[in-house]
Amino acid sequence: MRVVYLCTSSLDYPSPRGRWLPMARQRVQAGDEPHLLLLHPTFDQLAPGARHSLQAGVHIHYVGQMQVYGLPGHRRQFGRLQLMWVSLHSAWALARHALALMPDELVLCKPQPVNSLAVLWAAWVSRRAFDVDCDDYEAGANRFSAGWMGAMQRWLVRWCEDQVPRRARRMTVNTRFLYDRYRSLGIDETHLRRVPNTAHGISRPPADAVAQLQVDLGLEGRSVVAYVGTLSRVAHGVDLLLEAMPLVLKEVPDVRLLIVGDGDDREALQQLAVYLEIAKIIVWCGSVPPKSVPLYFALANCSVDPVYDTPAARGRSPLKIVESLAVGTPVVTGDVGDRVEMIGCEGVIVRPGDASQLALGIVQLLKSREG
């Protein structure tokens, strides 16, 4: 069976890398032929030969431009007319490639305007039903433009998230929050299933590789706290982690904070670190290749998923938690959504949105690891 997944981002982003690629690999094991259709942040710079590849039996196709240009931390927004053109062109590219593959099954990966338009078009032309997998609540989380343009964007995203799944044959989600949300919207439970994120092929890296990275980063003999992910205050609460660190520093003077990743709020967060007088204890690593991420988790005594209690946060099943636990590094996070279930006994759960409680959780893990 030929299965085609329609996504709006690249394998540089957590959802395609940590959810839909593993899902597609499972279809390979079942004897199917999965194709992952993706958009790229710098599609015009992607060599034609790099637009198609095969990874563990999964066919990877980059077919168009994402709705922003560049990776987090180096992104620029398109103007209004250019954004409309890029969106329509990418929707057309997704639909055209999907139809050219003559799929037996279509899967919409997180219903957003571009891939929703593409899957509705491809399903209508091919007379095929489609499935939906949703791992986020973008209408409650995304940053939108100001004014009427932003209001229209939010309405369109909300419509896609709320209405397109009603037209699907079946739907999967990653959290109980999203399961309950779609049940309340009328999705029949016989067509709705919760599939949490899990670690696929992730294990603790070799000790010598971890030791070498520790030397390279100057972290020998230090207690290390790691954050791996997007540098965002709105969606990922990195400001909350920075506000917790002065309290951690008082209790654990040798602590270092390892920040791996990039994002549009990097400069603002670096300024906040200076204001909090913790800039000297932070190692800003920037973006690293996905295959290197387990090394950074393994280097840390604990990792942190800082979180505020918002509908968007309840809808997420963070890949950073899954990957950290997979390499044996405990996690501190807030009691939001499915995080208690995800952590189990391999970390500390604290009150969300509270920097002092987050600091206490971090100190607890650092001191327990010392013992």
Protein backbone atom coordinates (compact mmCIF):
# COMPACT_ATOMS: atom_id res chain seq x y z
CA MET A 1 0.00 0.00 0.00
CA ARG A 2 1.35 3.41 -0.98
CA VAL A 3 0.84 5.93 1.84
CA VAL A 4 1.44 9.66 1.28
CA TYR A 5 1.92 12.05 4.22
CA LEU A 6 1.44 15.80 3.59
CA CYS A 7 3.47 18.05 5.96
CA THR A 8 4.07 21.81 6.14
CA SER A 9 7.63 21.79 7.49
CA SER A 10 10.94 19.96 7.12
CA LEU A 11 12.81 17.27 9.04
CA ASP A 12 14.63 20.10 10.82
CA TYR A 13 11.45 20.52 12.90
CA PRO A 14 10.37 18.23 15.78
CA SER A 15 7.05 16.95 14.46
CA PRO A 16 8.21 15.61 11.08
CA ARG A 17 11.43 14.26 12.60
CA GLY A 18 10.03 12.86 15.83
CA ARG A 19 6.50 11.82 14.89
CA TRP A 20 5.67 11.45 11.20
CA LEU A 21 8.98 9.96 10.07
CA PRO A 22 8.76 7.25 12.79
CA MET A 23 5.11 6.65 11.82
CA ALA A 24 6.18 6.20 8.22
CA ARG A 25 8.94 3.80 9.28
CA GLN A 26 6.36 1.69 11.06
CA ARG A 27 4.46 1.47 7.79
CA VAL A 28 7.62 0.19 6.11
CA GLN A 29 7.78 -2.59 8.69
CA ALA A 30 4.16 -3.43 7.86
CA GLY A 31 5.10 -3.86 4.20
CA ASP A 32 3.77 -0.51 2.95
CA GLU A 33 5.47 2.13 0.80
CA PRO A 34 5.34 5.48 2.64
CA HIS A 35 6.13 8.83 1.04
CA LEU A 36 6.68 11.94 3.19
CA LEU A 37 5.93 15.17 1.31
CA LEU A 38 7.56 18.12 3.06
CA LEU A 39 8.07 21.85 2.70
CA HIS A 40 11.54 23.33 3.19
CA PRO A 41 12.53 26.60 4.93
CA THR A 42 14.94 27.54 2.10
CA PHE A 43 13.55 25.56 -0.80
CA ASP A 44 15.21 27.75 -3.43
CA GLN A 45 18.64 26.88 -2.00
CA LEU A 46 17.99 23.14 -1.96
CA ALA A 47 19.84 21.36 -4.75
CA PRO A 48 17.53 19.29 -6.98
CA GLY A 49 19.39 16.13 -5.98
CA ALA A 50 18.72 16.85 -2.30
CA ARG A 51 14.97 17.16 -2.74
CA HIS A 52 14.40 13.42 -2.84
CA SER A 53 15.95 10.76 -0.63
CA LEU A 54 15.25 7.39 0.95
CA GLN A 55 15.57 6.94 4.73
CA ALA A 56 15.06 3.45 6.14
CA GLY A 57 12.53 2.67 3.43
CA VAL A 58 10.69 6.03 3.69
CA HIS A 59 10.66 8.18 0.56
CA ILE A 60 11.41 11.81 1.48
CA HIS A 61 10.28 14.53 -0.94
CA TYR A 62 10.80 18.27 -0.48
CA VAL A 63 8.30 19.86 -2.82
CA GLY A 64 7.93 23.53 -1.90
CA GLN A 65 8.65 26.51 0.34
CA MET A 66 7.49 26.79 3.95
CA GLN A 67 5.45 29.84 4.97
CA VAL A 68 8.51 31.45 6.56
CA TYR A 69 11.97 31.70 5.03
CA GLY A 70 14.90 30.30 6.99
CA LEU A 71 15.36 28.21 10.11
CA PRO A 72 14.39 29.43 13.63
CA GLY A 73 16.65 32.26 14.71
CA HIS A 74 17.31 33.29 11.12
CA ARG A 75 13.79 33.47 9.77
CA ARG A 76 12.11 36.26 7.90
CA GLN A 77 8.40 36.63 7.30
CA PHE A 78 6.98 37.02 3.83
CA GLY A 79 4.95 40.07 2.93
CA ARG A 80 1.19 39.63 2.62
CA LEU A 81 1.01 39.12 -1.14
CA GLN A 82 4.16 37.01 -1.18
CA LEU A 83 2.81 34.86 1.66
CA MET A 84 -0.40 34.24 -0.27
CA TRP A 85 1.58 33.27 -3.37
CA VAL A 86 3.95 30.99 -1.46
CA SER A 87 1.05 29.32 0.38
CA LEU A 88 -0.97 28.63 -2.76
CA HIS A 89 2.08 27.47 -4.70
CA SER A 90 3.13 25.09 -1.91
CA ALA A 91 -0.41 23.73 -1.54
CA TRP A 92 -0.44 23.07 -5.27
CA ALA A 93 2.98 21.38 -5.06
CA LEU A 94 1.86 19.10 -2.21
CA ALA A 95 -1.35 18.14 -4.02
CA ARG A 96 0.35 17.64 -7.38
CA HIS A 97 3.06 15.38 -5.96
CA ALA A 98 0.52 13.44 -3.92
CA LEU A 99 -1.62 12.80 -6.99
CA ALA A 100 1.40 11.87 -9.11
CA LEU A 101 2.22 9.11 -6.61
CA MET A 102 -1.28 7.61 -7.06
CA PRO A 103 -1.67 6.92 -3.32
CA ASP A 104 -3.75 4.22 -1.71
CA GLU A 105 -3.90 6.32 1.45
CA LEU A 106 -3.49 10.04 2.22
CA VAL A 107 -2.46 11.32 5.65
CA LEU A 108 -2.73 14.99 6.64
CA CYS A 109 0.01 15.79 9.15
CA LYS A 110 -1.36 18.48 11.49
CA PRO A 111 -4.18 20.31 9.69
CA GLN A 112 -2.87 23.69 8.60
CA PRO A 113 -4.12 25.89 5.74
CA VAL A 114 -1.52 24.84 3.16
CA ASN A 115 -1.63 21.07 3.60
CA SER A 116 -5.37 21.07 4.36
CA LEU A 117 -6.05 22.69 0.99
CA ALA A 118 -3.69 20.20 -0.64
CA VAL A 119 -5.24 17.10 0.94
CA LEU A 120 -8.80 18.23 0.24
CA TRP A 121 -7.89 18.79 -3.38
CA ALA A 122 -5.94 15.52 -3.73
CA ALA A 123 -8.69 13.53 -2.01
CA TRP A 124 -11.36 15.03 -4.27
CA VAL A 125 -9.40 14.38 -7.47
CA SER A 126 -8.30 10.87 -6.51
CA ARG A 127 -11.60 9.95 -4.87
CA ARG A 128 -9.63 8.77 -1.85
CA ALA A 129 -10.51 9.22 1.80
CA PHE A 130 -7.83 10.78 3.99
CA ASP A 131 -6.67 10.42 7.58
CA VAL A 132 -5.50 13.17 9.95
CA ASP A 133 -2.78 13.12 12.59
CA CYS A 134 -2.65 16.14 14.90
CA ASP A 135 0.05 16.76 17.52
CA ASP A 136 -0.50 20.43 18.37
CA TYR A 137 -3.06 23.19 18.86
CA GLU A 138 -1.70 25.91 16.60
CA ALA A 139 -4.69 28.24 16.86
CA GLY A 140 -3.97 28.52 20.57
CA ALA A 141 -0.22 28.82 20.24
CA ASN A 142 0.89 30.44 17.03
CA ARG A 143 2.08 33.99 16.67
CA PHE A 144 -0.04 35.85 14.18
CA SER A 145 0.42 39.17 12.47
CA ALA A 146 -1.21 42.29 13.87
CA GLY A 147 -4.43 43.72 12.53
CA TRP A 148 -6.88 42.18 10.11
CA MET A 149 -4.23 39.97 8.50
CA GLY A 150 -3.45 38.31 11.83
CA ALA A 151 -7.14 37.89 12.62
CA MET A 152 -7.68 36.22 9.26
CA GLN A 153 -4.68 33.93 9.77
CA ARG A 154 -5.94 32.85 13.19
CA TRP A 155 -9.46 32.23 11.85
CA LEU A 156 -8.09 30.15 8.96
CA VAL A 157 -5.84 28.06 11.20
CA ARG A 158 -8.70 27.49 13.64
CA TRP A 159 -11.03 26.49 10.80
CA CYS A 160 -8.52 23.95 9.48
CA GLU A 161 -7.91 22.47 12.93
CA ASP A 162 -11.61 22.31 13.79
CA GLN A 163 -13.33 21.53 10.50
CA VAL A 164 -10.97 19.54 8.26
CA PRO A 165 -10.79 16.54 10.65
CA ARG A 166 -14.59 16.24 10.40
CA ARG A 167 -14.08 15.31 6.74
CA ALA A 168 -11.45 12.66 7.49
CA ARG A 169 -11.95 8.92 7.57
CA ARG A 170 -10.16 8.63 10.91
CA MET A 171 -7.93 10.70 13.16
CA THR A 172 -5.03 10.21 15.57
CA VAL A 173 -3.79 12.66 18.20
CA ASN A 174 -0.89 12.66 20.64
CA THR A 175 -2.48 13.86 23.91
CA ARG A 176 -5.59 13.43 26.00
CA PHE A 177 -6.27 17.15 25.68
CA LEU A 178 -6.52 16.88 21.89
CA TYR A 179 -8.52 13.65 22.17
CA ASP A 180 -11.08 15.37 24.42
CA ARG A 181 -11.06 18.47 22.26
CA TYR A 182 -11.92 16.57 19.09
CA ARG A 183 -14.51 14.48 20.89
CA SER A 184 -16.18 17.73 21.95
CA LEU A 185 -16.13 18.84 18.31
CA GLY A 186 -18.10 15.76 17.32
CA ILE A 187 -15.42 13.35 16.11
CA ASP A 188 -16.73 9.86 16.81
CA GLU A 189 -14.53 7.94 19.25
CA THR A 190 -14.59 4.93 16.93
CA HIS A 191 -12.65 7.05 14.41
CA LEU A 192 -10.37 8.77 16.94
CA ARG A 193 -7.29 7.31 18.61
CA ARG A 194 -4.58 8.69 20.91
CA VAL A 195 -1.04 7.78 19.83
CA PRO A 196 1.53 9.34 22.22
CA ASN A 197 4.99 10.30 21.01
CA THR A 198 7.61 7.66 21.71
CA ALA A 199 11.36 7.29 21.26
CA HIS A 200 12.25 5.56 18.01
CA GLY A 201 15.84 4.46 17.58
CA ILE A 202 17.14 6.76 20.34
CA SER A 203 19.54 5.38 22.95
CA ARG A 204 22.34 6.66 25.15
CA PRO A 205 25.39 7.64 23.03
CA PRO A 206 28.86 6.12 23.63
CA ALA A 207 30.52 7.38 26.80
CA ASP A 208 33.64 8.54 24.95
CA ALA A 209 31.59 10.72 22.61
CA VAL A 210 29.78 12.30 25.59
CA ALA A 211 33.10 12.88 27.38
CA GLN A 212 34.59 14.54 24.30
CA LEU A 213 31.64 16.91 23.98
CA GLN A 214 31.98 17.75 27.66
CA VAL A 215 35.59 18.75 27.05
CA ASP A 216 34.75 20.68 23.88
CA LEU A 217 32.15 22.74 25.74
CA GLY A 218 34.29 23.26 28.84
CA LEU A 219 31.86 21.50 31.16
CA GLU A 220 34.18 19.12 32.99
CA GLY A 221 33.32 18.92 36.67
CA ARG A 222 30.15 20.96 36.25
CA SER A 223 26.53 20.22 37.07
CA VAL A 224 24.76 20.60 33.74
CA VAL A 225 21.13 21.55 33.10
CA ALA A 226 20.02 21.20 29.46
CA TYR A 227 17.29 22.80 27.43
CA VAL A 228 16.91 21.46 23.90
CA GLY A 229 14.32 23.05 21.64
CA THR A 230 12.99 26.25 20.12
CA LEU A 231 14.03 29.50 21.78
CA SER A 232 10.60 30.98 22.38
CA ARG A 233 8.97 32.77 25.28
CA VAL A 234 5.40 32.46 24.03
CA ALA A 235 5.31 28.79 23.01
CA HIS A 236 8.08 27.16 25.03
CA GLY A 237 8.63 29.16 28.21
CA VAL A 238 12.40 29.51 27.97
CA ASP A 239 12.13 32.79 29.89
CA LEU A 240 10.73 30.80 32.80
CA LEU A 241 13.83 28.61 32.82
CA LEU A 242 16.15 31.63 32.79
CA GLU A 243 14.24 33.19 35.70
CA ALA A 244 14.71 29.95 37.66
CA MET A 245 18.48 29.77 37.16
CA PRO A 246 19.58 32.48 39.68
CA LEU A 247 17.83 30.44 42.39
CA VAL A 248 19.52 27.26 41.14
CA LEU A 249 22.90 29.01 41.10
CA LYS A 250 22.57 29.88 44.79
CA GLU A 251 22.15 26.20 45.69
CA VAL A 252 24.48 24.68 43.07
CA PRO A 253 27.33 27.17 42.43
CA ASP A 254 29.02 25.03 39.77
CA VAL A 255 25.89 24.77 37.61
CA ARG A 256 25.93 25.44 33.88
CA LEU A 257 22.89 25.83 31.63
CA LEU A 258 23.26 24.25 28.19
CA ILE A 259 20.86 25.75 25.65
CA VAL A 260 20.63 23.81 22.41
CA GLY A 261 18.53 25.21 19.61
CA ASP A 262 17.59 28.53 18.11
CA GLY A 263 14.53 30.66 17.63
CA ASP A 264 13.09 34.08 16.99
CA ASP A 265 13.44 35.03 20.68
CA ARG A 266 17.14 34.20 20.99
CA GLU A 267 18.32 37.82 21.23
CA ALA A 268 15.61 38.75 23.75
CA LEU A 269 16.48 35.70 25.88
CA GLN A 270 20.19 36.54 25.77
CA GLN A 271 19.36 40.03 26.97
CA LEU A 272 17.23 38.56 29.76
CA ALA A 273 20.18 36.38 30.79
CA VAL A 274 22.36 39.47 31.10
CA TYR A 275 19.66 41.26 33.12
CA LEU A 276 19.39 38.26 35.47
CA GLU A 277 23.21 38.15 35.78
CA ILE A 278 23.41 34.53 34.63
CA ALA A 279 24.99 35.03 31.21
CA LYS A 280 28.28 33.60 32.47
CA ILE A 281 26.72 30.23 33.33
CA ILE A 282 24.97 29.69 29.97
CA VAL A 283 26.43 27.83 27.01
CA TRP A 284 24.50 28.80 23.88
CA CYS A 285 25.03 25.96 21.42
CA GLY A 286 22.71 27.06 18.63
CA SER A 287 21.07 24.54 16.36
CA VAL A 288 22.70 21.14 16.09
CA PRO A 289 22.02 18.23 13.69
CA PRO A 290 19.17 16.01 14.91
CA LYS A 291 21.50 13.00 15.12
CA SER A 292 23.63 14.92 17.66
CA VAL A 293 20.77 15.79 20.01
CA PRO A 294 21.11 12.63 22.18
CA LEU A 295 24.73 13.62 22.92
CA TYR A 296 23.63 16.90 24.49
CA PHE A 297 20.94 15.23 26.56
CA ALA A 298 23.41 12.59 27.74
CA LEU A 299 25.86 15.31 28.77
CA ALA A 300 23.36 16.82 31.22
CA ASN A 301 22.50 15.87 34.79
CA CYS A 302 18.92 16.84 34.01
CA SER A 303 16.94 18.48 31.24
CA VAL A 304 14.08 20.96 31.51
CA ASP A 305 10.79 21.41 29.69
CA PRO A 306 9.68 24.81 31.05
CA VAL A 307 5.97 25.28 30.55
CA TYR A 308 3.05 27.54 31.29
CA ASP A 309 -0.43 26.04 31.66
CA THR A 310 -2.05 27.02 28.37
CA PRO A 311 -4.32 25.12 25.96
CA ALA A 312 -1.46 24.94 23.48
CA ALA A 313 0.86 23.41 26.09
CA ARG A 314 -1.78 20.87 27.08
CA GLY A 315 -1.98 19.79 23.46
CA ARG A 316 1.74 19.03 23.16
CA SER A 317 3.66 15.84 23.85
CA PRO A 318 7.18 17.35 23.81
CA LEU A 319 9.82 15.46 21.86
CA LYS A 320 12.43 16.92 24.23
CA ILE A 321 10.98 14.85 27.09
CA VAL A 322 10.89 11.65 25.04
CA GLU A 323 14.48 12.06 23.81
CA SER A 324 15.87 13.02 27.22
CA LEU A 325 14.34 10.01 28.96
CA ALA A 326 15.47 7.74 26.13
CA VAL A 327 19.12 8.51 26.91
CA GLY A 328 18.59 8.21 30.67
CA THR A 329 18.53 11.91 31.60
CA PRO A 330 15.69 12.86 34.00
CA VAL A 331 13.41 15.79 33.22
CA VAL A 332 11.92 18.66 35.20
CA THR A 333 8.65 19.99 33.80
CA GLY A 334 5.26 21.38 34.81
CA ASP A 335 2.05 19.55 35.58
CA VAL A 336 0.42 20.31 32.23
CA GLY A 337 -1.35 17.95 29.86
CA ASP A 338 0.12 14.44 29.66
CA ARG A 339 3.50 15.35 31.16
CA VAL A 340 2.95 13.47 34.44
CA GLU A 341 2.29 10.31 32.46
CA MET A 342 5.28 10.95 30.20
CA ILE A 343 7.71 11.52 33.07
CA GLY A 344 6.60 8.68 35.33
CA CYS A 345 9.24 8.30 38.03
CA GLU A 346 12.07 9.56 35.79
CA GLY A 347 11.98 13.19 36.78
CA VAL A 348 10.24 15.89 38.77
CA ILE A 349 6.86 17.52 38.14
CA VAL A 350 6.34 21.07 39.46
CA ARG A 351 3.67 23.73 39.40
CA PRO A 352 3.64 25.23 35.87
CA GLY A 353 4.56 28.83 35.25
CA ASP A 354 6.38 29.18 38.59
CA ALA A 355 10.11 29.91 38.31
CA SER A 356 10.80 29.23 42.00
CA GLN A 357 9.14 25.81 41.83
CA LEU A 358 11.01 25.02 38.64
CA ALA A 359 14.27 25.95 40.38
CA LEU A 360 13.46 23.66 43.32
CA GLY A 361 12.82 20.79 40.92
CA ILE A 362 16.10 21.36 39.11
CA VAL A 363 18.05 21.55 42.39
CA GLN A 364 16.37 18.38 43.61
CA LEU A 365 17.53 16.44 40.57
CA LEU A 366 21.02 17.93 40.52
CA LYS A 367 21.62 17.05 44.16
CA SER A 368 20.15 13.58 43.80
CA ARG A 369 22.41 12.89 40.81
CA GLU A 370 25.42 14.05 42.83
CA GLY A 371 24.57 11.45 45.46
